[in-house]
Amino acid sequence: MCLSPDVSGSGRLGRPKAFLKLIAHQELTRYLNAEKRRPVQIVENLWDKYAVSSRELEKERDETLKVLDAFLQVPGYIKEGI
């Protein structure tokens, strides 16, 4: 990334408007890229915080079903083997 202005052979600035436009474009691009990264970071943080694998969910479900089955068998609401 070159930020030096075009210099003519006489040592004067060749195109200061083009140089300023280049700087403005580079700064705007840098800002927009940072803004694009922000939503991705937010989603990644949420994913890391709340992600649960399907195996973990299935394991919890099976444990809960065993507890519920035990409660329902005590008063005779369900019979084993059905």
Protein backbone atom coordinates (compact mmCIF):
# COMPACT_ATOMS: atom_id res chain seq x y z
CA MET A 1 0.00 0.00 0.00
CA CYS A 2 1.66 3.18 -1.19
CA LEU A 3 0.54 6.43 0.38
CA SER A 4 3.07 8.74 -1.19
CA PRO A 5 1.71 11.23 -3.74
CA ASP A 6 2.83 11.28 -7.35
CA VAL A 7 5.83 13.54 -7.59
CA SER A 8 6.83 15.04 -10.91
CA GLY A 9 10.43 15.37 -11.92
CA SER A 10 10.51 18.97 -10.68
CA GLY A 11 9.71 17.95 -7.10
CA ARG A 12 6.18 19.46 -7.06
CA LEU A 13 3.10 17.45 -6.18
CA GLY A 14 1.75 15.97 -9.36
CA ARG A 15 -1.88 15.19 -8.48
CA PRO A 16 -2.88 16.10 -4.93
CA LYS A 17 -6.62 15.49 -5.56
CA ALA A 18 -5.92 11.96 -6.74
CA PHE A 19 -3.74 11.37 -3.68
CA LEU A 20 -6.45 12.61 -1.31
CA LYS A 21 -9.01 10.47 -3.11
CA LEU A 22 -6.73 7.45 -2.70
CA ILE A 23 -6.30 8.10 1.02
CA ALA A 24 -10.05 8.59 1.48
CA HIS A 25 -10.76 5.37 -0.43
CA GLN A 26 -8.24 3.38 1.63
CA GLU A 27 -9.60 4.73 4.91
CA LEU A 28 -13.19 4.02 3.88
CA THR A 29 -12.26 0.50 2.81
CA ARG A 30 -10.47 -0.12 6.11
CA TYR A 31 -13.47 1.16 8.06
CA LEU A 32 -15.96 -0.91 6.07
CA ASN A 33 -13.88 -4.07 6.44
CA ALA A 34 -13.82 -3.55 10.20
CA GLU A 35 -17.60 -3.08 10.18
CA LYS A 36 -18.03 -6.29 8.16
CA ARG A 37 -16.00 -8.25 10.69
CA ARG A 38 -18.09 -7.09 13.65
CA PRO A 39 -21.29 -9.08 12.87
CA VAL A 40 -19.19 -12.18 12.23
CA GLN A 41 -17.52 -11.76 15.63
CA ILE A 42 -20.91 -11.39 17.31
CA VAL A 43 -22.26 -14.59 15.74
CA GLU A 44 -19.06 -16.49 16.58
CA ASN A 45 -19.29 -15.35 20.20
CA LEU A 46 -22.92 -16.47 20.41
CA TRP A 47 -22.04 -19.79 18.80
CA ASP A 48 -19.22 -20.38 21.27
CA LYS A 49 -21.45 -19.45 24.18
CA TYR A 50 -24.62 -21.39 23.29
CA ALA A 51 -23.58 -24.17 20.92
CA VAL A 52 -24.66 -27.62 22.06
CA SER A 53 -24.01 -30.75 20.05
CA SER A 54 -26.89 -32.97 19.01
CA ARG A 55 -25.34 -35.85 20.97
CA GLU A 56 -25.44 -33.80 24.17
CA LEU A 57 -29.09 -32.93 23.53
CA GLU A 58 -29.98 -36.57 22.84
CA LYS A 59 -28.15 -37.70 25.99
CA GLU A 60 -30.05 -35.17 28.12
CA ARG A 61 -33.33 -36.21 26.49
CA ASP A 62 -32.69 -39.90 27.19
CA GLU A 63 -31.82 -39.17 30.83
CA THR A 64 -34.97 -37.08 31.24
CA LEU A 65 -37.11 -39.81 29.66
CA LYS A 66 -35.69 -42.38 32.09
CA VAL A 67 -36.58 -40.15 35.05
CA LEU A 68 -40.09 -39.54 33.71
CA ASP A 69 -40.62 -43.25 33.05
CA ALA A 70 -39.57 -44.01 36.63
CA PHE A 71 -42.08 -41.48 37.99
CA LEU A 72 -44.87 -42.87 35.85
CA GLN A 73 -44.17 -46.50 36.77
CA VAL A 74 -44.44 -45.88 40.53
CA PRO A 75 -48.20 -45.09 40.59
CA GLY A 76 -48.86 -47.64 37.82
CA TYR A 77 -49.60 -45.23 34.97
CA ILE A 78 -47.42 -47.23 32.62
CA LYS A 79 -46.41 -50.85 32.75
CA GLU A 80 -42.97 -52.14 31.93
CA GLY A 81 -42.65 -54.00 28.68
CA ILE A 82 -45.32 -52.02 26.79
